[in-house]
C-alpha atoms as a PDB file:
ATOM      1  CA  MET A   1     241.938  27.358 -99.928  1.00  0.00           C
ATOM      2  CA  LEU A   2     238.276  27.926-100.607  1.00  0.00           C
ATOM      3  CA  ALA A   3     237.740  30.003-102.902  1.00  0.00           C
ATOM      4  CA  GLY A   4     239.944  26.961-105.203  1.00  0.00           C
ATOM      5  CA  ALA A   5     237.496  24.293-103.736  1.00  0.00           C
ATOM      6  CA  MET A   6     234.514  26.609-104.759  1.00  0.00           C
ATOM      7  CA  MET A   7     236.000  26.351-107.969  1.00  0.00           C
ATOM      8  CA  MET A   8     236.536  22.883-108.350  1.00  0.00           C
ATOM      9  CA  ALA A   9     233.320  22.244-107.184  1.00  0.00           C
ATOM     10  CA  ILE A  10     231.595  24.379-110.727  1.00  0.00           C
ATOM     11  CA  TRP A  11     234.083  22.201-112.466  1.00  0.00           C
ATOM     12  CA  GLY A  12     231.984  19.199-111.115  1.00  0.00           C
ATOM     13  CA  ALA A  13     228.533  20.314-111.502  1.00  0.00           C
ATOM     14  CA  SER A  14     229.851  21.399-115.154  1.00  0.00           C
ATOM     15  CA  LEU A  15     230.562  18.032-115.147  1.00  0.00           C
ATOM     16  CA  VAL A  16     227.419  16.206-113.547  1.00  0.00           C
ATOM     17  CA  ALA A  17     224.844  18.568-116.380  1.00  0.00           C
ATOM     18  CA  LEU A  18     226.896  16.838-119.029  1.00  0.00           C
ATOM     19  CA  PHE A  19     225.891  13.291-117.872  1.00  0.00           C
ATOM     20  CA  HIS A  20     222.656  14.361-116.548  1.00  0.00           C
ATOM     21  CA  ASP A  21     220.909  15.615-120.163  1.00  0.00           C
ATOM     22  CA  GLY A  22     224.015  15.502-122.705  1.00  0.00           C
ATOM     23  CA  ARG A  23     222.288  18.835-125.301  1.00  0.00           C
ATOM     24  CA  ALA A  24     224.945  21.074-127.039  1.00  0.00           C
ATOM     25  CA  PHE A  25     225.320  23.214-124.910  1.00  0.00           C
ATOM     26  CA  ASN A  26     226.520  21.164-121.783  1.00  0.00           C
ATOM     27  CA  ILE A  27     229.043  19.299-123.775  1.00  0.00           C
ATOM     28  CA  PHE A  28     230.175  23.400-124.718  1.00  0.00           C
ATOM     29  CA  ALA A  29     229.627  24.296-120.735  1.00  0.00           C
ATOM     30  CA  ALA A  30     231.789  20.779-119.644  1.00  0.00           C
ATOM     31  CA  VAL A  31     234.377  21.443-122.628  1.00  0.00           C
ATOM     32  CA  PHE A  32     235.217  25.501-121.440  1.00  0.00           C
ATOM     33  CA  ALA A  33     235.131  24.548-117.798  1.00  0.00           C
ATOM     34  CA  THR A  34     237.830  21.970-118.358  1.00  0.00           C
ATOM     35  CA  PHE A  35     239.714  24.326-119.930  1.00  0.00           C
ATOM     36  CA  THR A  36     239.372  27.251-117.860  1.00  0.00           C
ATOM     37  CA  PHE A  37     238.029  27.023-114.493  1.00  0.00           C
ATOM     38  CA  LEU A  38     239.733  23.101-113.465  1.00  0.00           C
ATOM     39  CA  PRO A  39     243.500  24.414-114.215  1.00  0.00           C
ATOM     40  CA  LEU A  40     242.705  27.906-111.967  1.00  0.00           C
ATOM     41  CA  GLY A  41     241.504  25.630-109.823  1.00  0.00           C
ATOM     42  CA  LEU A  42     244.392  23.631-108.876  1.00  0.00           C
ATOM     43  CA  VAL A  43     246.035  26.827-108.897  1.00  0.00           C
ATOM     44  CA  ALA A  44     244.482  28.096-106.747  1.00  0.00           C
ATOM     45  CA  LEU A  45     243.936  25.407-104.430  1.00  0.00           C
ATOM     46  CA  GLN A  46     247.436  25.030-104.591  1.00  0.00           C
ATOM     47  CA  GLY A  47     248.872  27.814-104.233  1.00  0.00           C
ATOM     48  CA  GLY A  48     246.028  27.527-100.294  1.00  0.00           C
ATOM     49  CA  LEU A  49     247.879  24.411 -99.548  1.00  0.00           C
ATOM     50  CA  SER A  50     251.532  25.717 -99.654  1.00  0.00           C
ATOM     51  CA  GLY A  51     251.333  28.934 -97.629  1.00  0.00           C
ATOM     52  CA  SER A  52     254.514  30.705-100.148  1.00  0.00           C
ATOM     53  CA  SER A  53     254.677  34.187-101.148  1.00  0.00           C
ATOM     54  CA  ALA A  54     254.612  32.948-104.470  1.00  0.00           C
ATOM     55  CA  SER A  55     251.862  30.234-104.625  1.00  0.00           C
ATOM     56  CA  MET A  56     249.517  32.406-103.008  1.00  0.00           C
ATOM     57  CA  GLN A  57     250.354  35.628-105.626  1.00  0.00           C
ATOM     58  CA  ARG A  58     249.900  33.114-108.103  1.00  0.00           C
ATOM     59  CA  ALA A  59     246.627  31.507-106.189  1.00  0.00           C
ATOM     60  CA  ARG A  60     245.727  35.736-106.574  1.00  0.00           C
ATOM     61  CA  SER A  61     245.367  35.990-109.761  1.00  0.00           C
ATOM     62  CA  ALA A  62     243.798  32.801-110.549  1.00  0.00           C
ATOM     63  CA  LEU A  63     240.823  33.615-108.374  1.00  0.00           C
ATOM     64  CA  LEU A  64     241.371  37.356-110.644  1.00  0.00           C
ATOM     65  CA  ALA A  65     240.678  35.396-113.302  1.00  0.00           C
ATOM     66  CA  SER A  66     238.368  33.465-112.814  1.00  0.00           C
ATOM     67  CA  GLY A  67     235.814  36.617-111.989  1.00  0.00           C
ATOM     68  CA  GLY A  68     236.337  37.886-114.742  1.00  0.00           C
ATOM     69  CA  LEU A  69     235.324  34.385-116.084  1.00  0.00           C
ATOM     70  CA  LEU A  70     232.258  34.444-113.878  1.00  0.00           C
ATOM     71  CA  ALA A  71     231.686  38.272-114.476  1.00  0.00           C
ATOM     72  CA  LEU A  72     231.424  36.843-118.694  1.00  0.00           C
ATOM     73  CA  ILE A  73     229.634  34.439-117.847  1.00  0.00           C
ATOM     74  CA  VAL A  74     226.470  35.947-116.337  1.00  0.00           C
ATOM     75  CA  VAL A  75     226.200  38.922-118.298  1.00  0.00           C
ATOM     76  CA  ALA A  76     226.409  35.830-121.158  1.00  0.00           C
ATOM     77  CA  GLU A  77     223.594  34.156-119.401  1.00  0.00           C
ATOM     78  CA  VAL A  78     221.072  37.064-118.880  1.00  0.00           C
ATOM     79  CA  PHE A  79     221.621  38.205-122.360  1.00  0.00           C
ATOM     80  CA  ARG A  80     220.551  34.945-123.361  1.00  0.00           C
ATOM     81  CA  ARG A  81     217.613  35.076-120.629  1.00  0.00           C
ATOM     82  CA  MET A  82     216.631  38.795-122.280  1.00  0.00           C
ATOM     83  CA  VAL A  83     217.483  38.676-125.707  1.00  0.00           C
ATOM     84  CA  LEU A  84     217.016  35.079-126.985  1.00  0.00           C
ATOM     85  CA  GLY A  85     213.879  34.301-124.144  1.00  0.00           C
ATOM     86  CA  GLY A  86     216.097  30.539-123.333  1.00  0.00           C
ATOM     87  CA  SER A  87     214.627  29.533-120.073  1.00  0.00           C
END
């Protein structure tokens, strides 16, 4: 349940960044988070609240998928900062 709530917070943070500064990167991040972390976060949150075996299995799969997405995002950010010199 906590992991689902944290994923929803990540989604909300991408929207806050979009409203704060409407650059193309923030728009891309908000769209990406809406299509990936929002549904995965809802599945994980519903699995934690429900507690049934099937819901917990779906929540576990959603958490694994979101962990892979976060790893991909970290690698892309490190690449952007090292190679492209962004700050």
